[in-house]
Amino acid sequence: MVETYKWPAQLGAGAIEYSQTIRAAQFGDGYEQIAENGINSTAVQVPMKYIGKDGEVNEIRTFLLAHTVKAFIITPPGEDKGLYRVVADSVRKNQLSSNVAELTFTIKRAYGVYA
């Protein structure tokens, strides 16, 4: 079963990144052939954040750390609902006060089928 991110989604610091994978072949006469590398050749990375009570931030952190390999369903701000994974080593917690913390992380689009 694919889990769903259930907390409010906030866009973090930085822009949504799109990187495309292409294949190119350059010939001696200046001709170049370019093609997409597969059907899902555009990778999408979304920086996100969550600010809230320490207990809820810790719950989200646990969820995120469990999903660096395993995909989950989310609708990130400015993007379509889909499967995403947490980018390894992107989860950061900043304690703002004794009971409030900020969690920042980056998610990357994962391609597959979900129900």
PDB file of N, CA and C in Angstrom:
ATOM      1  N   MET A   1       0.836  -1.179   0.000  1.00  0.00           N
ATOM      2  CA  MET A   1       0.000   0.000   0.000  1.00  0.00           C
ATOM      3  C   MET A   1       0.884   1.248   0.000  1.00  0.00           C
ATOM      4  N   VAL A   2       0.535   2.188  -0.837  1.00  0.00           N
ATOM      5  CA  VAL A   2       1.283   3.443  -0.930  1.00  0.00           C
ATOM      6  C   VAL A   2       0.696   4.428   0.074  1.00  0.00           C
ATOM      7  N   GLU A   3       1.553   4.980   0.932  1.00  0.00           N
ATOM      8  CA  GLU A   3       1.094   5.936   1.938  1.00  0.00           C
ATOM      9  C   GLU A   3       0.926   7.326   1.320  1.00  0.00           C
ATOM     10  N   THR A   4       0.139   8.168   2.010  1.00  0.00           N
ATOM     11  CA  THR A   4      -0.125   9.525   1.553  1.00  0.00           C
ATOM     12  C   THR A   4       0.378  10.523   2.592  1.00  0.00           C
ATOM     13  N   TYR A   5       1.062  11.561   2.123  1.00  0.00           N
ATOM     14  CA  TYR A   5       1.496  12.665   2.985  1.00  0.00           C
ATOM     15  C   TYR A   5       0.235  13.429   3.369  1.00  0.00           C
ATOM     16  N   LYS A   6      -0.079  13.507   4.668  1.00  0.00           N
ATOM     17  CA  LYS A   6      -1.364  14.040   5.118  1.00  0.00           C
ATOM     18  C   LYS A   6      -1.296  15.423   5.760  1.00  0.00           C
ATOM     19  N   TRP A   7      -0.129  16.037   5.837  1.00  0.00           N
ATOM     20  CA  TRP A   7       0.029  17.333   6.499  1.00  0.00           C
ATOM     21  C   TRP A   7      -0.033  18.454   5.469  1.00  0.00           C
ATOM     22  N   PRO A   8      -0.250  19.709   5.918  1.00  0.00           N
ATOM     23  CA  PRO A   8      -0.254  20.821   4.957  1.00  0.00           C
ATOM     24  C   PRO A   8       1.092  20.912   4.224  1.00  0.00           C
ATOM     25  N   ALA A   9       1.030  21.130   2.921  1.00  0.00           N
ATOM     26  CA  ALA A   9       2.243  21.217   2.107  1.00  0.00           C
ATOM     27  C   ALA A   9       2.580  22.680   1.864  1.00  0.00           C
ATOM     28  N   GLN A  10       3.783  23.078   2.252  1.00  0.00           N
ATOM     29  CA  GLN A  10       4.249  24.448   2.054  1.00  0.00           C
ATOM     30  C   GLN A  10       5.507  24.417   1.203  1.00  0.00           C
ATOM     31  N   LEU A  11       5.561  25.307   0.211  1.00  0.00           N
ATOM     32  CA  LEU A  11       6.754  25.406  -0.620  1.00  0.00           C
ATOM     33  C   LEU A  11       7.891  25.973   0.216  1.00  0.00           C
ATOM     34  N   GLY A  12       9.044  25.349   0.150  1.00  0.00           N
ATOM     35  CA  GLY A  12      10.194  25.785   0.929  1.00  0.00           C
ATOM     36  C   GLY A  12      11.004  26.844   0.205  1.00  0.00           C
ATOM     37  N   ALA A  13      12.172  27.126   0.760  1.00  0.00           N
ATOM     38  CA  ALA A  13      13.076  28.108   0.156  1.00  0.00           C
ATOM     39  C   ALA A  13      13.617  27.544  -1.153  1.00  0.00           C
ATOM     40  N   GLY A  14      13.601  28.348  -2.163  1.00  0.00           N
ATOM     41  CA  GLY A  14      14.115  27.906  -3.451  1.00  0.00           C
ATOM     42  C   GLY A  14      13.001  27.592  -4.426  1.00  0.00           C
ATOM     43  N   ALA A  15      13.390  27.369  -5.655  1.00  0.00           N
ATOM     44  CA  ALA A  15      12.441  27.143  -6.736  1.00  0.00           C
ATOM     45  C   ALA A  15      12.253  25.656  -7.004  1.00  0.00           C
ATOM     46  N   ILE A  16      11.117  25.334  -7.606  1.00  0.00           N
ATOM     47  CA  ILE A  16      10.907  23.972  -8.096  1.00  0.00           C
ATOM     48  C   ILE A  16      11.866  23.772  -9.265  1.00  0.00           C
ATOM     49  N   GLU A  17      12.571  22.647  -9.264  1.00  0.00           N
ATOM     50  CA  GLU A  17      13.579  22.390 -10.299  1.00  0.00           C
ATOM     51  C   GLU A  17      13.097  21.321 -11.272  1.00  0.00           C
ATOM     52  N   TYR A  18      13.342  21.576 -12.544  1.00  0.00           N
ATOM     53  CA  TYR A  18      13.020  20.616 -13.605  1.00  0.00           C
ATOM     54  C   TYR A  18      14.317  20.306 -14.346  1.00  0.00           C
ATOM     55  N   SER A  19      14.693  19.048 -14.369  1.00  0.00           N
ATOM     56  CA  SER A  19      15.884  18.675 -15.132  1.00  0.00           C
ATOM     57  C   SER A  19      15.498  17.589 -16.132  1.00  0.00           C
ATOM     58  N   GLN A  20      15.896  17.803 -17.369  1.00  0.00           N
ATOM     59  CA  GLN A  20      15.537  16.885 -18.434  1.00  0.00           C
ATOM     60  C   GLN A  20      16.736  16.056 -18.845  1.00  0.00           C
ATOM     61  N   THR A  21      16.466  14.782 -19.093  1.00  0.00           N
ATOM     62  CA  THR A  21      17.493  13.869 -19.556  1.00  0.00           C
ATOM     63  C   THR A  21      17.266  13.624 -21.041  1.00  0.00           C
ATOM     64  N   ILE A  22      18.274  13.938 -21.826  1.00  0.00           N
ATOM     65  CA  ILE A  22      18.171  13.724 -23.272  1.00  0.00           C
ATOM     66  C   ILE A  22      19.385  12.945 -23.755  1.00  0.00           C
ATOM     67  N   ARG A  23      19.218  12.356 -24.914  1.00  0.00           N
ATOM     68  CA  ARG A  23      20.335  11.696 -25.589  1.00  0.00           C
ATOM     69  C   ARG A  23      20.646  12.512 -26.846  1.00  0.00           C
ATOM     70  N   ALA A  24      21.911  12.723 -27.092  1.00  0.00           N
ATOM     71  CA  ALA A  24      22.304  13.502 -28.263  1.00  0.00           C
ATOM     72  C   ALA A  24      23.461  12.822 -28.982  1.00  0.00           C
ATOM     73  N   ALA A  25      23.412  12.890 -30.300  1.00  0.00           N
ATOM     74  CA  ALA A  25      24.501  12.368 -31.135  1.00  0.00           C
ATOM     75  C   ALA A  25      24.889  13.454 -32.135  1.00  0.00           C
ATOM     76  N   GLN A  26      26.142  13.864 -32.080  1.00  0.00           N
ATOM     77  CA  GLN A  26      26.654  14.925 -32.962  1.00  0.00           C
ATOM     78  C   GLN A  26      27.445  14.265 -34.088  1.00  0.00           C
ATOM     79  N   PHE A  27      27.163  14.681 -35.318  1.00  0.00           N
ATOM     80  CA  PHE A  27      27.854  14.126 -36.474  1.00  0.00           C
ATOM     81  C   PHE A  27      28.821  15.153 -37.042  1.00  0.00           C
ATOM     82  N   GLY A  28      29.782  14.689 -37.821  1.00  0.00           N
ATOM     83  CA  GLY A  28      30.845  15.534 -38.355  1.00  0.00           C
ATOM     84  C   GLY A  28      30.363  16.661 -39.245  1.00  0.00           C
ATOM     85  N   ASP A  29      29.222  16.482 -39.883  1.00  0.00           N
ATOM     86  CA  ASP A  29      28.730  17.528 -40.788  1.00  0.00           C
ATOM     87  C   ASP A  29      27.896  18.577 -40.054  1.00  0.00           C
ATOM     88  N   GLY A  30      27.881  18.527 -38.724  1.00  0.00           N
ATOM     89  CA  GLY A  30      27.141  19.500 -37.928  1.00  0.00           C
ATOM     90  C   GLY A  30      25.738  19.061 -37.556  1.00  0.00           C
ATOM     91  N   TYR A  31      25.280  17.966 -38.158  1.00  0.00           N
ATOM     92  CA  TYR A  31      23.943  17.455 -37.851  1.00  0.00           C
ATOM     93  C   TYR A  31      23.943  16.853 -36.452  1.00  0.00           C
ATOM     94  N   GLU A  32      22.885  17.091 -35.715  1.00  0.00           N
ATOM     95  CA  GLU A  32      22.770  16.548 -34.354  1.00  0.00           C
ATOM     96  C   GLU A  32      21.384  15.937 -34.180  1.00  0.00           C
ATOM     97  N   GLN A  33      21.356  14.731 -33.632  1.00  0.00           N
ATOM     98  CA  GLN A  33      20.092  14.079 -33.309  1.00  0.00           C
ATOM     99  C   GLN A  33      19.883  14.175 -31.800  1.00  0.00           C
ATOM    100  N   ILE A  34      18.665  14.571 -31.387  1.00  0.00           N
ATOM    101  CA  ILE A  34      18.343  14.695 -29.969  1.00  0.00           C
ATOM    102  C   ILE A  34      17.041  13.966 -29.706  1.00  0.00           C
ATOM    103  N   ALA A  35      17.016  13.204 -28.612  1.00  0.00           N
ATOM    104  CA  ALA A  35      15.804  12.474 -28.237  1.00  0.00           C
ATOM    105  C   ALA A  35      15.691  12.433 -26.717  1.00  0.00           C
ATOM    106  N   GLU A  36      14.451  12.353 -26.258  1.00  0.00           N
ATOM    107  CA  GLU A  36      14.235  12.204 -24.818  1.00  0.00           C
ATOM    108  C   GLU A  36      14.743  10.843 -24.384  1.00  0.00           C
ATOM    109  N   ASN A  37      15.196  10.748 -23.150  1.00  0.00           N
ATOM    110  CA  ASN A  37      15.716   9.509 -22.612  1.00  0.00           C
ATOM    111  C   ASN A  37      14.592   8.793 -21.857  1.00  0.00           C
ATOM    112  N   GLY A  38      13.709   8.120 -22.571  1.00  0.00           N
ATOM    113  CA  GLY A  38      12.602   7.406 -21.957  1.00  0.00           C
ATOM    114  C   GLY A  38      11.333   8.242 -21.922  1.00  0.00           C
ATOM    115  N   ILE A  39      10.259   7.644 -21.403  1.00  0.00           N
ATOM    116  CA  ILE A  39       8.965   8.331 -21.395  1.00  0.00           C
ATOM    117  C   ILE A  39       8.830   9.330 -20.249  1.00  0.00           C
ATOM    118  N   ASN A  40       9.622   9.193 -19.217  1.00  0.00           N
ATOM    119  CA  ASN A  40       9.599  10.120 -18.078  1.00  0.00           C
ATOM    120  C   ASN A  40      10.958  10.790 -17.956  1.00  0.00           C
ATOM    121  N   SER A  41      11.274  11.625 -18.926  1.00  0.00           N
ATOM    122  CA  SER A  41      12.622  12.179 -19.003  1.00  0.00           C
ATOM    123  C   SER A  41      12.802  13.480 -18.214  1.00  0.00           C
ATOM    124  N   THR A  42      11.730  13.999 -17.615  1.00  0.00           N
ATOM    125  CA  THR A  42      11.842  15.223 -16.839  1.00  0.00           C
ATOM    126  C   THR A  42      11.736  14.905 -15.358  1.00  0.00           C
ATOM    127  N   ALA A  43      12.792  15.214 -14.613  1.00  0.00           N
ATOM    128  CA  ALA A  43      12.791  15.019 -13.160  1.00  0.00           C
ATOM    129  C   ALA A  43      12.326  16.315 -12.503  1.00  0.00           C
ATOM    130  N   VAL A  44      11.484  16.179 -11.475  1.00  0.00           N
ATOM    131  CA  VAL A  44      10.946  17.332 -10.758  1.00  0.00           C
ATOM    132  C   VAL A  44      11.367  17.229  -9.296  1.00  0.00           C
ATOM    133  N   GLN A  45      11.998  18.297  -8.785  1.00  0.00           N
ATOM    134  CA  GLN A  45      12.375  18.365  -7.365  1.00  0.00           C
ATOM    135  C   GLN A  45      11.699  19.576  -6.743  1.00  0.00           C
ATOM    136  N   VAL A  46      11.064  19.364  -5.587  1.00  0.00           N
ATOM    137  CA  VAL A  46      10.319  20.423  -4.927  1.00  0.00           C
ATOM    138  C   VAL A  46      10.857  20.624  -3.514  1.00  0.00           C
ATOM    139  N   PRO A  47      11.393  21.819  -3.202  1.00  0.00           N
ATOM    140  CA  PRO A  47      11.812  22.097  -1.822  1.00  0.00           C
ATOM    141  C   PRO A  47      10.565  22.409  -0.992  1.00  0.00           C
ATOM    142  N   MET A  48      10.475  21.807   0.194  1.00  0.00           N
ATOM    143  CA  MET A  48       9.292  21.988   1.017  1.00  0.00           C
ATOM    144  C   MET A  48       9.676  22.304   2.449  1.00  0.00           C
ATOM    145  N   LYS A  49       8.691  22.798   3.213  1.00  0.00           N
ATOM    146  CA  LYS A  49       8.918  23.057   4.634  1.00  0.00           C
ATOM    147  C   LYS A  49       7.618  22.872   5.386  1.00  0.00           C
ATOM    148  N   TYR A  50       7.768  22.680   6.685  1.00  0.00           N
ATOM    149  CA  TYR A  50       6.622  22.599   7.583  1.00  0.00           C
ATOM    150  C   TYR A  50       7.036  23.234   8.902  1.00  0.00           C
ATOM    151  N   ILE A  51       6.216  24.144   9.402  1.00  0.00           N
ATOM    152  CA  ILE A  51       6.458  24.760  10.707  1.00  0.00           C
ATOM    153  C   ILE A  51       5.282  24.401  11.593  1.00  0.00           C
ATOM    154  N   GLY A  52       5.593  23.878  12.781  1.00  0.00           N
ATOM    155  CA  GLY A  52       4.516  23.489  13.679  1.00  0.00           C
ATOM    156  C   GLY A  52       5.027  23.049  15.033  1.00  0.00           C
ATOM    157  N   LYS A  53       4.128  22.497  15.805  1.00  0.00           N
ATOM    158  CA  LYS A  53       4.477  22.011  17.138  1.00  0.00           C
ATOM    159  C   LYS A  53       5.477  20.865  17.021  1.00  0.00           C
ATOM    160  N   ASP A  54       6.358  20.787  17.987  1.00  0.00           N
ATOM    161  CA  ASP A  54       7.466  19.840  17.965  1.00  0.00           C
ATOM    162  C   ASP A  54       7.008  18.397  17.760  1.00  0.00           C
ATOM    163  N   GLY A  55       5.923  17.992  18.430  1.00  0.00           N
ATOM    164  CA  GLY A  55       5.441  16.617  18.303  1.00  0.00           C
ATOM    165  C   GLY A  55       5.022  16.276  16.885  1.00  0.00           C
ATOM    166  N   GLU A  56       4.311  17.195  16.227  1.00  0.00           N
ATOM    167  CA  GLU A  56       3.883  16.952  14.852  1.00  0.00           C
ATOM    168  C   GLU A  56       5.064  16.990  13.887  1.00  0.00           C
ATOM    169  N   VAL A  57       5.999  17.896  14.116  1.00  0.00           N
ATOM    170  CA  VAL A  57       7.209  17.956  13.291  1.00  0.00           C
ATOM    171  C   VAL A  57       7.976  16.636  13.385  1.00  0.00           C
ATOM    172  N   ASN A  58       8.069  16.076  14.582  1.00  0.00           N
ATOM    173  CA  ASN A  58       8.760  14.793  14.751  1.00  0.00           C
ATOM    174  C   ASN A  58       8.029  13.661  14.024  1.00  0.00           C
ATOM    175  N   GLU A  59       6.689  13.706  14.025  1.00  0.00           N
ATOM    176  CA  GLU A  59       5.896  12.699  13.311  1.00  0.00           C
ATOM    177  C   GLU A  59       6.155  12.788  11.808  1.00  0.00           C
ATOM    178  N   ILE A  60       6.189  14.005  11.279  1.00  0.00           N
ATOM    179  CA  ILE A  60       6.461  14.206   9.851  1.00  0.00           C
ATOM    180  C   ILE A  60       7.881  13.764   9.517  1.00  0.00           C
ATOM    181  N   ARG A  61       8.830  14.113  10.382  1.00  0.00           N
ATOM    182  CA  ARG A  61      10.236  13.713  10.159  1.00  0.00           C
ATOM    183  C   ARG A  61      10.355  12.198  10.057  1.00  0.00           C
ATOM    184  N   THR A  62       9.676  11.473  10.940  1.00  0.00           N
ATOM    185  CA  THR A  62       9.701  10.007  10.903  1.00  0.00           C
ATOM    186  C   THR A  62       9.139   9.498   9.574  1.00  0.00           C
ATOM    187  N   PHE A  63       8.026  10.084   9.134  1.00  0.00           N
ATOM    188  CA  PHE A  63       7.419   9.716   7.847  1.00  0.00           C
ATOM    189  C   PHE A  63       8.409   9.956   6.705  1.00  0.00           C
ATOM    190  N   LEU A  64       9.028  11.136   6.695  1.00  0.00           N
ATOM    191  CA  LEU A  64       9.944  11.489   5.604  1.00  0.00           C
ATOM    192  C   LEU A  64      11.167  10.582   5.554  1.00  0.00           C
ATOM    193  N   LEU A  65      11.742  10.297   6.711  1.00  0.00           N
ATOM    194  CA  LEU A  65      12.941   9.452   6.749  1.00  0.00           C
ATOM    195  C   LEU A  65      12.640   8.025   6.291  1.00  0.00           C
ATOM    196  N   ALA A  66      11.383   7.611   6.403  1.00  0.00           N
ATOM    197  CA  ALA A  66      10.982   6.276   5.945  1.00  0.00           C
ATOM    198  C   ALA A  66      10.683   6.256   4.441  1.00  0.00           C
ATOM    199  N   HIS A  67      10.711   7.434   3.798  1.00  0.00           N
ATOM    200  CA  HIS A  67      10.331   7.507   2.396  1.00  0.00           C
ATOM    201  C   HIS A  67      11.425   8.069   1.490  1.00  0.00           C
ATOM    202  N   THR A  68      12.674   7.750   1.777  1.00  0.00           N
ATOM    203  CA  THR A  68      13.753   8.117   0.862  1.00  0.00           C
ATOM    204  C   THR A  68      13.877   7.089  -0.258  1.00  0.00           C
ATOM    205  N   VAL A  69      13.414   5.877  -0.004  1.00  0.00           N
ATOM    206  CA  VAL A  69      13.438   4.814  -1.011  1.00  0.00           C
ATOM    207  C   VAL A  69      12.017   4.457  -1.437  1.00  0.00           C
ATOM    208  N   LYS A  70      11.110   4.477  -0.495  1.00  0.00           N
ATOM    209  CA  LYS A  70       9.711   4.104  -0.738  1.00  0.00           C
ATOM    210  C   LYS A  70       8.910   5.355  -1.123  1.00  0.00           C
ATOM    211  N   ALA A  71       8.218   5.318  -2.255  1.00  0.00           N
ATOM    212  CA  ALA A  71       7.453   6.466  -2.732  1.00  0.00           C
ATOM    213  C   ALA A  71       6.164   6.649  -1.932  1.00  0.00           C
ATOM    214  N   PHE A  72       5.669   7.883  -1.931  1.00  0.00           N
ATOM    215  CA  PHE A  72       4.409   8.211  -1.271  1.00  0.00           C
ATOM    216  C   PHE A  72       3.631   9.179  -2.151  1.00  0.00           C
ATOM    217  N   ILE A  73       2.348   9.363  -1.851  1.00  0.00           N
ATOM    218  CA  ILE A  73       1.485  10.237  -2.634  1.00  0.00           C
ATOM    219  C   ILE A  73       1.417  11.610  -1.966  1.00  0.00           C
ATOM    220  N   ILE A  74       1.557  12.661  -2.778  1.00  0.00           N
ATOM    221  CA  ILE A  74       1.459  14.029  -2.277  1.00  0.00           C
ATOM    222  C   ILE A  74       1.070  14.947  -3.441  1.00  0.00           C
ATOM    223  N   THR A  75       0.427  16.071  -3.113  1.00  0.00           N
ATOM    224  CA  THR A  75       0.190  17.129  -4.081  1.00  0.00           C
ATOM    225  C   THR A  75       1.023  18.330  -3.637  1.00  0.00           C
ATOM    226  N   PRO A  76       2.252  18.462  -4.147  1.00  0.00           N
ATOM    227  CA  PRO A  76       3.100  19.582  -3.748  1.00  0.00           C
ATOM    228  C   PRO A  76       2.555  20.905  -4.298  1.00  0.00           C
ATOM    229  N   PRO A  77       2.846  22.009  -3.626  1.00  0.00           N
ATOM    230  CA  PRO A  77       2.406  23.306  -4.131  1.00  0.00           C
ATOM    231  C   PRO A  77       2.935  23.553  -5.545  1.00  0.00           C
ATOM    232  N   GLY A  78       2.045  23.886  -6.466  1.00  0.00           N
ATOM    233  CA  GLY A  78       2.456  24.196  -7.833  1.00  0.00           C
ATOM    234  C   GLY A  78       2.678  22.992  -8.721  1.00  0.00           C
ATOM    235  N   GLU A  79       2.420  21.806  -8.227  1.00  0.00           N
ATOM    236  CA  GLU A  79       2.645  20.590  -9.013  1.00  0.00           C
ATOM    237  C   GLU A  79       1.414  19.683  -8.952  1.00  0.00           C
ATOM    238  N   ASP A  80       1.419  18.643  -9.772  1.00  0.00           N
ATOM    239  CA  ASP A  80       0.322  17.690  -9.805  1.00  0.00           C
ATOM    240  C   ASP A  80       0.491  16.626  -8.721  1.00  0.00           C
ATOM    241  N   LYS A  81      -0.636  16.087  -8.300  1.00  0.00           N
ATOM    242  CA  LYS A  81      -0.620  14.967  -7.361  1.00  0.00           C
ATOM    243  C   LYS A  81       0.115  13.812  -8.019  1.00  0.00           C
ATOM    244  N   GLY A  82       0.946  13.131  -7.248  1.00  0.00           N
ATOM    245  CA  GLY A  82       1.683  12.013  -7.806  1.00  0.00           C
ATOM    246  C   GLY A  82       2.540  11.317  -6.769  1.00  0.00           C
ATOM    247  N   LEU A  83       3.378  10.442  -7.254  1.00  0.00           N
ATOM    248  CA  LEU A  83       4.319   9.716  -6.408  1.00  0.00           C
ATOM    249  C   LEU A  83       5.608  10.510  -6.287  1.00  0.00           C
ATOM    250  N   TYR A  84       6.092  10.623  -5.067  1.00  0.00           N
ATOM    251  CA  TYR A  84       7.342  11.332  -4.796  1.00  0.00           C
ATOM    252  C   TYR A  84       8.141  10.558  -3.761  1.00  0.00           C
ATOM    253  N   ARG A  85       9.446  10.781  -3.738  1.00  0.00           N
ATOM    254  CA  ARG A  85      10.339  10.256  -2.705  1.00  0.00           C
ATOM    255  C   ARG A  85      11.100  11.430  -2.117  1.00  0.00           C
ATOM    256  N   VAL A  86      11.553  11.259  -0.881  1.00  0.00           N
ATOM    257  CA  VAL A  86      12.356  12.290  -0.226  1.00  0.00           C
ATOM    258  C   VAL A  86      13.791  12.159  -0.729  1.00  0.00           C
ATOM    259  N   VAL A  87      14.392  13.273  -1.086  1.00  0.00           N
ATOM    260  CA  VAL A  87      15.791  13.282  -1.517  1.00  0.00           C
ATOM    261  C   VAL A  87      16.655  12.975  -0.290  1.00  0.00           C
ATOM    262  N   ALA A  88      17.531  11.992  -0.422  1.00  0.00           N
ATOM    263  CA  ALA A  88      18.390  11.573   0.694  1.00  0.00           C
ATOM    264  C   ALA A  88      19.186  12.759   1.235  1.00  0.00           C
ATOM    265  N   ASP A  89      19.315  12.826   2.527  1.00  0.00           N
ATOM    266  CA  ASP A  89      20.078  13.855   3.242  1.00  0.00           C
ATOM    267  C   ASP A  89      19.502  15.262   3.089  1.00  0.00           C
ATOM    268  N   SER A  90      18.221  15.387   2.717  1.00  0.00           N
ATOM    269  CA  SER A  90      17.631  16.721   2.566  1.00  0.00           C
ATOM    270  C   SER A  90      16.780  17.131   3.765  1.00  0.00           C
ATOM    271  N   VAL A  91      16.498  16.210   4.682  1.00  0.00           N
ATOM    272  CA  VAL A  91      15.624  16.511   5.820  1.00  0.00           C
ATOM    273  C   VAL A  91      16.419  17.269   6.885  1.00  0.00           C
ATOM    274  N   ARG A  92      15.912  18.454   7.264  1.00  0.00           N
ATOM    275  CA  ARG A  92      16.563  19.307   8.276  1.00  0.00           C
ATOM    276  C   ARG A  92      15.517  19.800   9.257  1.00  0.00           C
ATOM    277  N   LYS A  93      15.833  19.745  10.542  1.00  0.00           N
ATOM    278  CA  LYS A  93      14.945  20.254  11.583  1.00  0.00           C
ATOM    279  C   LYS A  93      15.630  21.419  12.280  1.00  0.00           C
ATOM    280  N   ASN A  94      14.893  22.529  12.401  1.00  0.00           N
ATOM    281  CA  ASN A  94      15.399  23.715  13.074  1.00  0.00           C
ATOM    282  C   ASN A  94      14.451  24.038  14.225  1.00  0.00           C
ATOM    283  N   GLN A  95      14.938  23.946  15.450  1.00  0.00           N
ATOM    284  CA  GLN A  95      14.117  24.222  16.638  1.00  0.00           C
ATOM    285  C   GLN A  95      13.967  25.734  16.786  1.00  0.00           C
ATOM    286  N   LEU A  96      12.725  26.248  16.667  1.00  0.00           N
ATOM    287  CA  LEU A  96      12.474  27.683  16.722  1.00  0.00           C
ATOM    288  C   LEU A  96      12.194  28.171  18.137  1.00  0.00           C
ATOM    289  N   SER A  97      11.599  27.312  18.955  1.00  0.00           N
ATOM    290  CA  SER A  97      11.349  27.620  20.364  1.00  0.00           C
ATOM    291  C   SER A  97      11.265  26.292  21.100  1.00  0.00           C
ATOM    292  N   SER A  98      10.872  26.328  22.358  1.00  0.00           N
ATOM    293  CA  SER A  98      10.838  25.081  23.126  1.00  0.00           C
ATOM    294  C   SER A  98       9.814  24.081  22.586  1.00  0.00           C
ATOM    295  N   ASN A  99       8.762  24.561  21.903  1.00  0.00           N
ATOM    296  CA  ASN A  99       7.764  23.611  21.391  1.00  0.00           C
ATOM    297  C   ASN A  99       7.389  23.834  19.925  1.00  0.00           C
ATOM    298  N   VAL A 100       8.127  24.675  19.202  1.00  0.00           N
ATOM    299  CA  VAL A 100       7.866  24.914  17.780  1.00  0.00           C
ATOM    300  C   VAL A 100       9.155  24.655  16.995  1.00  0.00           C
ATOM    301  N   ALA A 101       8.995  23.954  15.856  1.00  0.00           N
ATOM    302  CA  ALA A 101      10.152  23.629  15.024  1.00  0.00           C
ATOM    303  C   ALA A 101       9.797  23.796  13.551  1.00  0.00           C
ATOM    304  N   GLU A 102      10.842  23.957  12.747  1.00  0.00           N
ATOM    305  CA  GLU A 102      10.699  24.036  11.295  1.00  0.00           C
ATOM    306  C   GLU A 102      11.394  22.828  10.691  1.00  0.00           C
ATOM    307  N   LEU A 103      10.712  22.176   9.773  1.00  0.00           N
ATOM    308  CA  LEU A 103      11.263  21.022   9.085  1.00  0.00           C
ATOM    309  C   LEU A 103      11.374  21.385   7.608  1.00  0.00           C
ATOM    310  N   THR A 104      12.558  21.259   7.033  1.00  0.00           N
ATOM    311  CA  THR A 104      12.734  21.501   5.603  1.00  0.00           C
ATOM    312  C   THR A 104      13.198  20.200   4.956  1.00  0.00           C
ATOM    313  N   PHE A 105      12.749  19.991   3.724  1.00  0.00           N
ATOM    314  CA  PHE A 105      13.094  18.768   3.001  1.00  0.00           C
ATOM    315  C   PHE A 105      12.819  18.980   1.525  1.00  0.00           C
ATOM    316  N   THR A 106      13.361  18.095   0.704  1.00  0.00           N
ATOM    317  CA  THR A 106      13.155  18.151  -0.736  1.00  0.00           C
ATOM    318  C   THR A 106      12.582  16.826  -1.191  1.00  0.00           C
ATOM    319  N   ILE A 107      11.562  16.905  -2.050  1.00  0.00           N
ATOM    320  CA  ILE A 107      10.993  15.690  -2.622  1.00  0.00           C
ATOM    321  C   ILE A 107      11.254  15.669  -4.116  1.00  0.00           C
ATOM    322  N   LYS A 108      11.330  14.455  -4.670  1.00  0.00           N
ATOM    323  CA  LYS A 108      11.612  14.265  -6.088  1.00  0.00           C
ATOM    324  C   LYS A 108      10.546  13.355  -6.676  1.00  0.00           C
ATOM    325  N   ARG A 109      10.068  13.698  -7.855  1.00  0.00           N
ATOM    326  CA  ARG A 109       9.023  12.924  -8.520  1.00  0.00           C
ATOM    327  C   ARG A 109       9.496  11.500  -8.763  1.00  0.00           C
ATOM    328  N   ALA A 110       8.652  10.537  -8.418  1.00  0.00           N
ATOM    329  CA  ALA A 110       8.909   9.118  -8.685  1.00  0.00           C
ATOM    330  C   ALA A 110       7.818   8.652  -9.644  1.00  0.00           C
ATOM    331  N   TYR A 111       8.158   7.873 -10.606  1.00  0.00           N
ATOM    332  CA  TYR A 111       7.174   7.439 -11.587  1.00  0.00           C
ATOM    333  C   TYR A 111       6.750   6.006 -11.320  1.00  0.00           C
ATOM    334  N   GLY A 112       5.474   5.761 -11.413  1.00  0.00           N
ATOM    335  CA  GLY A 112       4.925   4.444 -11.177  1.00  0.00           C
ATOM    336  C   GLY A 112       3.406   4.537 -11.106  1.00  0.00           C
ATOM    337  N   VAL A 113       2.790   3.482 -10.664  1.00  0.00           N
ATOM    338  CA  VAL A 113       1.334   3.402 -10.586  1.00  0.00           C
ATOM    339  C   VAL A 113       0.924   3.399  -9.131  1.00  0.00           C
ATOM    340  N   TYR A 114      -0.109   4.153  -8.810  1.00  0.00           N
ATOM    341  CA  TYR A 114      -0.665   4.137  -7.449  1.00  0.00           C
ATOM    342  C   TYR A 114      -2.178   4.123  -7.544  1.00  0.00           C
ATOM    343  N   ALA A 115      -2.801   3.607  -6.506  1.00  0.00           N
ATOM    344  CA  ALA A 115      -4.270   3.501  -6.504  1.00  0.00           C
ATOM    345  C   ALA A 115      -4.898   4.674  -5.798  1.00  0.00           C
TER     346      ALA A 115
END
